[in-house]
Amino acid sequence: MAQKKGSGSSKNGRDSAGRRLGLKHFDLEQVQAGSILVRQRGTKVHPGENVGIGKDHTLFAKISGYVKYYLYHGKTQVKILSHRGL
């Protein structure tokens, strides 16, 4: 027999708020210098040209321009273009 009462429902019920991770600006979108491009845990997306990385792996634009996501050696990278072309 159980020594304690089954009180599972009162011990459950905790949940944390979502962390608002993900892309903040999309492909060929215009951004200002300092804009956050991606919030992430670890480097799912790697920094390319004119993109900096914060201590929590947040990617941000170093210059104003257009966002470009691309694959490089099987890894997703993001760079900032000064004009809208490729």
C-alpha atoms as a PDB file:
ATOM      1  CA  MET A   1       0.000   0.000   0.000  1.00  0.00           C
ATOM      2  CA  ALA A   2       1.044   3.536  -0.600  1.00  0.00           C
ATOM      3  CA  GLN A   3       2.485   5.321   2.405  1.00  0.00           C
ATOM      4  CA  LYS A   4       1.609   8.779   1.048  1.00  0.00           C
ATOM      5  CA  LYS A   5      -1.482  10.171  -0.552  1.00  0.00           C
ATOM      6  CA  GLY A   6      -1.340  10.598  -4.323  1.00  0.00           C
ATOM      7  CA  SER A   7      -1.084  14.378  -4.559  1.00  0.00           C
ATOM      8  CA  GLY A   8       0.527  14.729  -7.965  1.00  0.00           C
ATOM      9  CA  SER A   9      -1.627  17.510  -9.315  1.00  0.00           C
ATOM     10  CA  SER A  10      -0.749  19.960  -6.556  1.00  0.00           C
ATOM     11  CA  LYS A  11       2.983  19.274  -6.963  1.00  0.00           C
ATOM     12  CA  ASN A  12       2.857  19.871 -10.725  1.00  0.00           C
ATOM     13  CA  GLY A  13       1.756  23.104 -12.311  1.00  0.00           C
ATOM     14  CA  ARG A  14       5.021  25.058 -12.683  1.00  0.00           C
ATOM     15  CA  ASP A  15       6.080  26.356 -16.051  1.00  0.00           C
ATOM     16  CA  SER A  16       8.528  29.032 -17.130  1.00  0.00           C
ATOM     17  CA  ALA A  17       7.796  31.677 -19.720  1.00  0.00           C
ATOM     18  CA  GLY A  18       9.165  31.198 -23.241  1.00  0.00           C
ATOM     19  CA  ARG A  19      12.595  32.733 -23.829  1.00  0.00           C
ATOM     20  CA  ARG A  20      11.677  34.578 -27.074  1.00  0.00           C
ATOM     21  CA  LEU A  21      14.481  32.926 -29.049  1.00  0.00           C
ATOM     22  CA  GLY A  22      14.746  32.817 -32.837  1.00  0.00           C
ATOM     23  CA  LEU A  23      15.204  35.083 -35.837  1.00  0.00           C
ATOM     24  CA  LYS A  24      14.400  38.735 -35.199  1.00  0.00           C
ATOM     25  CA  HIS A  25      15.108  39.912 -38.773  1.00  0.00           C
ATOM     26  CA  PHE A  26      14.604  37.863 -41.926  1.00  0.00           C
ATOM     27  CA  ASP A  27      16.376  37.499 -45.286  1.00  0.00           C
ATOM     28  CA  LEU A  28      16.869  40.744 -47.275  1.00  0.00           C
ATOM     29  CA  GLU A  29      15.290  42.811 -44.489  1.00  0.00           C
ATOM     30  CA  GLN A  30      16.885  46.226 -43.888  1.00  0.00           C
ATOM     31  CA  VAL A  31      18.505  46.685 -40.463  1.00  0.00           C
ATOM     32  CA  GLN A  32      20.361  49.388 -38.567  1.00  0.00           C
ATOM     33  CA  ALA A  33      23.768  48.896 -36.950  1.00  0.00           C
ATOM     34  CA  GLY A  34      23.325  47.251 -33.548  1.00  0.00           C
ATOM     35  CA  SER A  35      20.075  45.484 -34.457  1.00  0.00           C
ATOM     36  CA  ILE A  36      19.641  42.003 -32.999  1.00  0.00           C
ATOM     37  CA  LEU A  37      19.374  39.449 -35.808  1.00  0.00           C
ATOM     38  CA  VAL A  38      19.120  36.123 -33.927  1.00  0.00           C
ATOM     39  CA  ARG A  39      18.630  35.145 -30.291  1.00  0.00           C
ATOM     40  CA  GLN A  40      19.784  31.570 -29.725  1.00  0.00           C
ATOM     41  CA  ARG A  41      21.218  29.011 -27.316  1.00  0.00           C
ATOM     42  CA  GLY A  42      24.547  27.939 -28.776  1.00  0.00           C
ATOM     43  CA  THR A  43      25.489  28.794 -32.356  1.00  0.00           C
ATOM     44  CA  LYS A  44      22.701  27.368 -34.517  1.00  0.00           C
ATOM     45  CA  VAL A  45      23.400  30.339 -36.801  1.00  0.00           C
ATOM     46  CA  HIS A  46      27.021  31.480 -37.175  1.00  0.00           C
ATOM     47  CA  PRO A  47      28.159  35.093 -37.671  1.00  0.00           C
ATOM     48  CA  GLY A  48      29.453  36.116 -41.095  1.00  0.00           C
ATOM     49  CA  GLU A  49      30.553  39.451 -42.573  1.00  0.00           C
ATOM     50  CA  ASN A  50      29.596  42.528 -40.530  1.00  0.00           C
ATOM     51  CA  VAL A  51      27.868  40.440 -37.838  1.00  0.00           C
ATOM     52  CA  GLY A  52      28.977  40.302 -34.195  1.00  0.00           C
ATOM     53  CA  ILE A  53      28.241  37.704 -31.533  1.00  0.00           C
ATOM     54  CA  GLY A  54      27.394  38.392 -27.885  1.00  0.00           C
ATOM     55  CA  LYS A  55      28.333  36.308 -24.860  1.00  0.00           C
ATOM     56  CA  ASP A  56      24.913  34.613 -24.936  1.00  0.00           C
ATOM     57  CA  HIS A  57      25.416  33.803 -28.684  1.00  0.00           C
ATOM     58  CA  THR A  58      23.109  36.630 -29.789  1.00  0.00           C
ATOM     59  CA  LEU A  59      23.979  37.793 -33.323  1.00  0.00           C
ATOM     60  CA  PHE A  60      23.824  41.528 -34.083  1.00  0.00           C
ATOM     61  CA  ALA A  61      24.506  43.811 -37.056  1.00  0.00           C
ATOM     62  CA  LYS A  62      27.789  45.760 -36.995  1.00  0.00           C
ATOM     63  CA  ILE A  63      26.731  48.019 -39.891  1.00  0.00           C
ATOM     64  CA  SER A  64      23.440  49.166 -41.391  1.00  0.00           C
ATOM     65  CA  GLY A  65      22.380  47.203 -44.453  1.00  0.00           C
ATOM     66  CA  TYR A  66      20.459  44.112 -45.561  1.00  0.00           C
ATOM     67  CA  VAL A  67      20.379  40.721 -43.834  1.00  0.00           C
ATOM     68  CA  LYS A  68      21.452  37.669 -45.852  1.00  0.00           C
ATOM     69  CA  TYR A  69      21.239  34.074 -44.544  1.00  0.00           C
ATOM     70  CA  TYR A  70      23.201  31.378 -46.396  1.00  0.00           C
ATOM     71  CA  LEU A  71      24.743  27.921 -46.002  1.00  0.00           C
ATOM     72  CA  TYR A  72      28.537  27.708 -45.724  1.00  0.00           C
ATOM     73  CA  HIS A  73      30.139  24.271 -45.296  1.00  0.00           C
ATOM     74  CA  GLY A  74      26.806  22.915 -44.065  1.00  0.00           C
ATOM     75  CA  LYS A  75      26.354  25.618 -41.418  1.00  0.00           C
ATOM     76  CA  THR A  76      23.854  28.461 -41.520  1.00  0.00           C
ATOM     77  CA  GLN A  77      25.546  31.854 -41.483  1.00  0.00           C
ATOM     78  CA  VAL A  78      24.232  35.387 -41.601  1.00  0.00           C
ATOM     79  CA  LYS A  79      25.933  38.462 -43.033  1.00  0.00           C
ATOM     80  CA  ILE A  80      25.015  42.087 -43.624  1.00  0.00           C
ATOM     81  CA  LEU A  81      25.140  43.424 -47.182  1.00  0.00           C
ATOM     82  CA  SER A  82      25.596  47.139 -47.818  1.00  0.00           C
ATOM     83  CA  HIS A  83      23.151  46.966 -50.769  1.00  0.00           C
ATOM     84  CA  ARG A  84      20.165  44.729 -51.458  1.00  0.00           C
ATOM     85  CA  GLY A  85      21.760  42.523 -54.171  1.00  0.00           C
ATOM     86  CA  LEU A  86      23.414  39.147 -53.595  1.00  0.00           C
END
